[in-house]
Amino acid sequence: MEEHGLVDREIHAEVPPRVEYSLTAPGADACVPLAHLRTWVEHNIDRFPGPA
């Protein structure tokens, strides 16, 4: 997602190593349609077969 500009990654030179992620403006914009998709999946999950 970082390569596509949806998140920023900040690496901290610490022991133990630490990485922080944050949404970019396009990443934040994607939250609205993805939330709608999640709601649709939650309402329709029973329509799909489970794992084999």
PDB file of N, CA and C in Angstrom:
ATOM      1  N   MET A   1       0.817  -1.183   0.000  1.00  0.00           N
ATOM      2  CA  MET A   1       0.000   0.000   0.000  1.00  0.00           C
ATOM      3  C   MET A   1       0.868   1.257   0.000  1.00  0.00           C
ATOM      4  N   GLU A   2       2.045   1.125   0.575  1.00  0.00           N
ATOM      5  CA  GLU A   2       2.960   2.267   0.567  1.00  0.00           C
ATOM      6  C   GLU A   2       3.362   2.616  -0.866  1.00  0.00           C
ATOM      7  N   GLU A   3       3.627   1.588  -1.669  1.00  0.00           N
ATOM      8  CA  GLU A   3       4.032   1.818  -3.059  1.00  0.00           C
ATOM      9  C   GLU A   3       2.961   2.540  -3.861  1.00  0.00           C
ATOM     10  N   HIS A   4       1.704   2.354  -3.462  1.00  0.00           N
ATOM     11  CA  HIS A   4       0.596   2.971  -4.181  1.00  0.00           C
ATOM     12  C   HIS A   4       0.146   4.287  -3.552  1.00  0.00           C
ATOM     13  N   GLY A   5       0.868   4.749  -2.537  1.00  0.00           N
ATOM     14  CA  GLY A   5       0.588   6.052  -1.948  1.00  0.00           C
ATOM     15  C   GLY A   5      -0.575   6.098  -0.990  1.00  0.00           C
ATOM     16  N   LEU A   6      -0.990   4.924  -0.472  1.00  0.00           N
ATOM     17  CA  LEU A   6      -2.109   4.921   0.464  1.00  0.00           C
ATOM     18  C   LEU A   6      -1.670   5.062   1.918  1.00  0.00           C
ATOM     19  N   VAL A   7      -0.436   4.663   2.214  1.00  0.00           N
ATOM     20  CA  VAL A   7       0.093   4.803   3.566  1.00  0.00           C
ATOM     21  C   VAL A   7       1.519   5.333   3.510  1.00  0.00           C
ATOM     22  N   ASP A   8       1.900   6.011   4.574  1.00  0.00           N
ATOM     23  CA  ASP A   8       3.286   6.432   4.781  1.00  0.00           C
ATOM     24  C   ASP A   8       3.877   5.529   5.847  1.00  0.00           C
ATOM     25  N   ARG A   9       5.146   5.203   5.706  1.00  0.00           N
ATOM     26  CA  ARG A   9       5.835   4.369   6.686  1.00  0.00           C
ATOM     27  C   ARG A   9       7.024   5.154   7.221  1.00  0.00           C
ATOM     28  N   GLU A  10       7.114   5.233   8.533  1.00  0.00           N
ATOM     29  CA  GLU A  10       8.230   5.920   9.177  1.00  0.00           C
ATOM     30  C   GLU A  10       8.991   4.905  10.020  1.00  0.00           C
ATOM     31  N   ILE A  11      10.265   4.725   9.703  1.00  0.00           N
ATOM     32  CA  ILE A  11      11.114   3.780  10.411  1.00  0.00           C
ATOM     33  C   ILE A  11      11.911   4.537  11.460  1.00  0.00           C
ATOM     34  N   HIS A  12      11.868   4.051  12.696  1.00  0.00           N
ATOM     35  CA  HIS A  12      12.600   4.675  13.796  1.00  0.00           C
ATOM     36  C   HIS A  12      13.822   3.817  14.119  1.00  0.00           C
ATOM     37  N   ALA A  13      14.964   4.449  14.153  1.00  0.00           N
ATOM     38  CA  ALA A  13      16.219   3.736  14.452  1.00  0.00           C
ATOM     39  C   ALA A  13      16.335   3.554  15.959  1.00  0.00           C
ATOM     40  N   GLU A  14      15.626   2.548  16.463  1.00  0.00           N
ATOM     41  CA  GLU A  14      15.604   2.270  17.896  1.00  0.00           C
ATOM     42  C   GLU A  14      15.839   0.784  18.113  1.00  0.00           C
ATOM     43  N   VAL A  15      16.111   0.442  19.348  1.00  0.00           N
ATOM     44  CA  VAL A  15      16.212  -0.963  19.740  1.00  0.00           C
ATOM     45  C   VAL A  15      15.161  -1.180  20.820  1.00  0.00           C
ATOM     46  N   PRO A  16      14.186  -2.037  20.580  1.00  0.00           N
ATOM     47  CA  PRO A  16      13.947  -2.785  19.348  1.00  0.00           C
ATOM     48  C   PRO A  16      13.447  -1.858  18.240  1.00  0.00           C
ATOM     49  N   PRO A  17      13.593  -2.285  16.984  1.00  0.00           N
ATOM     50  CA  PRO A  17      13.149  -1.465  15.865  1.00  0.00           C
ATOM     51  C   PRO A  17      11.652  -1.153  15.961  1.00  0.00           C
ATOM     52  N   ARG A  18      11.297   0.010  15.466  1.00  0.00           N
ATOM     53  CA  ARG A  18       9.890   0.426  15.507  1.00  0.00           C
ATOM     54  C   ARG A  18       9.536   1.060  14.181  1.00  0.00           C
ATOM     55  N   VAL A  19       8.354   0.745  13.671  1.00  0.00           N
ATOM     56  CA  VAL A  19       7.852   1.313  12.423  1.00  0.00           C
ATOM     57  C   VAL A  19       6.458   1.851  12.696  1.00  0.00           C
ATOM     58  N   GLU A  20       6.182   3.042  12.197  1.00  0.00           N
ATOM     59  CA  GLU A  20       4.848   3.628  12.332  1.00  0.00           C
ATOM     60  C   GLU A  20       4.261   3.830  10.946  1.00  0.00           C
ATOM     61  N   TYR A  21       2.983   3.521  10.821  1.00  0.00           N
ATOM     62  CA  TYR A  21       2.263   3.702   9.567  1.00  0.00           C
ATOM     63  C   TYR A  21       1.170   4.732   9.767  1.00  0.00           C
ATOM     64  N   SER A  22       0.932   5.530   8.730  1.00  0.00           N
ATOM     65  CA  SER A  22      -0.165   6.490   8.775  1.00  0.00           C
ATOM     66  C   SER A  22      -0.788   6.588   7.385  1.00  0.00           C
ATOM     67  N   LEU A  23      -2.058   6.933   7.366  1.00  0.00           N
ATOM     68  CA  LEU A  23      -2.753   7.086   6.094  1.00  0.00           C
ATOM     69  C   LEU A  23      -2.356   8.385   5.423  1.00  0.00           C
ATOM     70  N   THR A  24      -2.220   8.333   4.114  1.00  0.00           N
ATOM     71  CA  THR A  24      -2.052   9.543   3.322  1.00  0.00           C
ATOM     72  C   THR A  24      -3.451  10.073   2.998  1.00  0.00           C
ATOM     73  N   ALA A  25      -3.544  11.207   2.341  1.00  0.00           N
ATOM     74  CA  ALA A  25      -4.857  11.742   1.953  1.00  0.00           C
ATOM     75  C   ALA A  25      -5.606  10.751   1.056  1.00  0.00           C
ATOM     76  N   PRO A  26      -4.967  10.163   0.021  1.00  0.00           N
ATOM     77  CA  PRO A  26      -5.693   9.173  -0.773  1.00  0.00           C
ATOM     78  C   PRO A  26      -6.097   7.938   0.048  1.00  0.00           C
ATOM     79  N   GLY A  27      -5.271   7.545   1.000  1.00  0.00           N
ATOM     80  CA  GLY A  27      -5.616   6.415   1.861  1.00  0.00           C
ATOM     81  C   GLY A  27      -6.835   6.715   2.710  1.00  0.00           C
ATOM     82  N   ALA A  28      -6.893   7.917   3.242  1.00  0.00           N
ATOM     83  CA  ALA A  28      -8.057   8.322   4.036  1.00  0.00           C
ATOM     84  C   ALA A  28      -9.302   8.384   3.158  1.00  0.00           C
ATOM     85  N   ASP A  29      -9.157   8.869   1.931  1.00  0.00           N
ATOM     86  CA  ASP A  29     -10.294   8.918   1.005  1.00  0.00           C
ATOM     87  C   ASP A  29     -10.818   7.523   0.690  1.00  0.00           C
ATOM     88  N   ALA A  30      -9.943   6.532   0.670  1.00  0.00           N
ATOM     89  CA  ALA A  30     -10.347   5.155   0.371  1.00  0.00           C
ATOM     90  C   ALA A  30     -11.147   4.537   1.511  1.00  0.00           C
ATOM     91  N   CYS A  31     -11.076   5.094   2.704  1.00  0.00           N
ATOM     92  CA  CYS A  31     -11.783   4.519   3.852  1.00  0.00           C
ATOM     93  C   CYS A  31     -13.300   4.505   3.646  1.00  0.00           C
ATOM     94  N   VAL A  32     -13.852   5.519   3.017  1.00  0.00           N
ATOM     95  CA  VAL A  32     -15.308   5.591   2.846  1.00  0.00           C
ATOM     96  C   VAL A  32     -15.823   4.466   1.947  1.00  0.00           C
ATOM     97  N   PRO A  33     -15.311   4.313   0.713  1.00  0.00           N
ATOM     98  CA  PRO A  33     -15.832   3.204  -0.096  1.00  0.00           C
ATOM     99  C   PRO A  33     -15.485   1.833   0.479  1.00  0.00           C
ATOM    100  N   LEU A  34     -14.348   1.693   1.140  1.00  0.00           N
ATOM    101  CA  LEU A  34     -14.005   0.409   1.740  1.00  0.00           C
ATOM    102  C   LEU A  34     -14.922   0.084   2.912  1.00  0.00           C
ATOM    103  N   ALA A  35     -15.365   1.079   3.633  1.00  0.00           N
ATOM    104  CA  ALA A  35     -16.321   0.851   4.718  1.00  0.00           C
ATOM    105  C   ALA A  35     -17.645   0.352   4.158  1.00  0.00           C
ATOM    106  N   HIS A  36     -18.064   0.896   3.018  1.00  0.00           N
ATOM    107  CA  HIS A  36     -19.299   0.424   2.375  1.00  0.00           C
ATOM    108  C   HIS A  36     -19.141  -1.026   1.928  1.00  0.00           C
ATOM    109  N   LEU A  37     -17.987  -1.360   1.376  1.00  0.00           N
ATOM    110  CA  LEU A  37     -17.729  -2.732   0.960  1.00  0.00           C
ATOM    111  C   LEU A  37     -17.763  -3.667   2.168  1.00  0.00           C
ATOM    112  N   ARG A  38     -17.144  -3.263   3.261  1.00  0.00           N
ATOM    113  CA  ARG A  38     -17.157  -4.102   4.462  1.00  0.00           C
ATOM    114  C   ARG A  38     -18.579  -4.336   4.947  1.00  0.00           C
ATOM    115  N   THR A  39     -19.399  -3.291   4.957  1.00  0.00           N
ATOM    116  CA  THR A  39     -20.796  -3.429   5.382  1.00  0.00           C
ATOM    117  C   THR A  39     -21.530  -4.399   4.468  1.00  0.00           C
ATOM    118  N   TRP A  40     -21.325  -4.292   3.167  1.00  0.00           N
ATOM    119  CA  TRP A  40     -21.974  -5.197   2.220  1.00  0.00           C
ATOM    120  C   TRP A  40     -21.557  -6.643   2.497  1.00  0.00           C
ATOM    121  N   VAL A  41     -20.270  -6.859   2.697  1.00  0.00           N
ATOM    122  CA  VAL A  41     -19.779  -8.219   2.969  1.00  0.00           C
ATOM    123  C   VAL A  41     -20.401  -8.754   4.255  1.00  0.00           C
ATOM    124  N   GLU A  42     -20.441  -7.937   5.302  1.00  0.00           N
ATOM    125  CA  GLU A  42     -21.020  -8.381   6.575  1.00  0.00           C
ATOM    126  C   GLU A  42     -22.481  -8.783   6.416  1.00  0.00           C
ATOM    127  N   HIS A  43     -23.225  -8.057   5.580  1.00  0.00           N
ATOM    128  CA  HIS A  43     -24.642  -8.361   5.371  1.00  0.00           C
ATOM    129  C   HIS A  43     -24.860  -9.544   4.433  1.00  0.00           C
ATOM    130  N   ASN A  44     -23.865  -9.901   3.656  1.00  0.00           N
ATOM    131  CA  ASN A  44     -24.030 -10.938   2.643  1.00  0.00           C
ATOM    132  C   ASN A  44     -23.128 -12.155   2.825  1.00  0.00           C
ATOM    133  N   ILE A  45     -22.419 -12.224   3.928  1.00  0.00           N
ATOM    134  CA  ILE A  45     -21.429 -13.284   4.121  1.00  0.00           C
ATOM    135  C   ILE A  45     -22.056 -14.670   4.043  1.00  0.00           C
ATOM    136  N   ASP A  46     -23.286 -14.812   4.448  1.00  0.00           N
ATOM    137  CA  ASP A  46     -23.945 -16.125   4.419  1.00  0.00           C
ATOM    138  C   ASP A  46     -24.242 -16.597   2.994  1.00  0.00           C
ATOM    139  N   ARG A  47     -24.138 -15.742   2.023  1.00  0.00           N
ATOM    140  CA  ARG A  47     -24.392 -16.120   0.632  1.00  0.00           C
ATOM    141  C   ARG A  47     -23.214 -16.845   0.002  1.00  0.00           C
ATOM    142  N   PHE A  48     -22.072 -16.853   0.674  1.00  0.00           N
ATOM    143  CA  PHE A  48     -20.858 -17.435   0.124  1.00  0.00           C
ATOM    144  C   PHE A  48     -20.484 -18.710   0.867  1.00  0.00           C
ATOM    145  N   PRO A  49     -19.974 -19.709   0.120  1.00  0.00           N
ATOM    146  CA  PRO A  49     -19.579 -20.941   0.798  1.00  0.00           C
ATOM    147  C   PRO A  49     -18.359 -20.709   1.691  1.00  0.00           C
ATOM    148  N   GLY A  50     -18.272 -21.499   2.738  1.00  0.00           N
ATOM    149  CA  GLY A  50     -17.141 -21.411   3.663  1.00  0.00           C
ATOM    150  C   GLY A  50     -15.926 -22.091   3.073  1.00  0.00           C
ATOM    151  N   PRO A  51     -14.810 -22.059   3.783  1.00  0.00           N
ATOM    152  CA  PRO A  51     -13.583 -22.710   3.301  1.00  0.00           C
ATOM    153  C   PRO A  51     -13.784 -24.214   3.203  1.00  0.00           C
ATOM    154  N   ALA A  52     -13.062 -24.806   2.292  1.00  0.00           N
ATOM    155  CA  ALA A  52     -13.181 -26.263   2.082  1.00  0.00           C
ATOM    156  C   ALA A  52     -12.478 -27.036   3.161  1.00  0.00           C
TER     157      ALA A  52
END
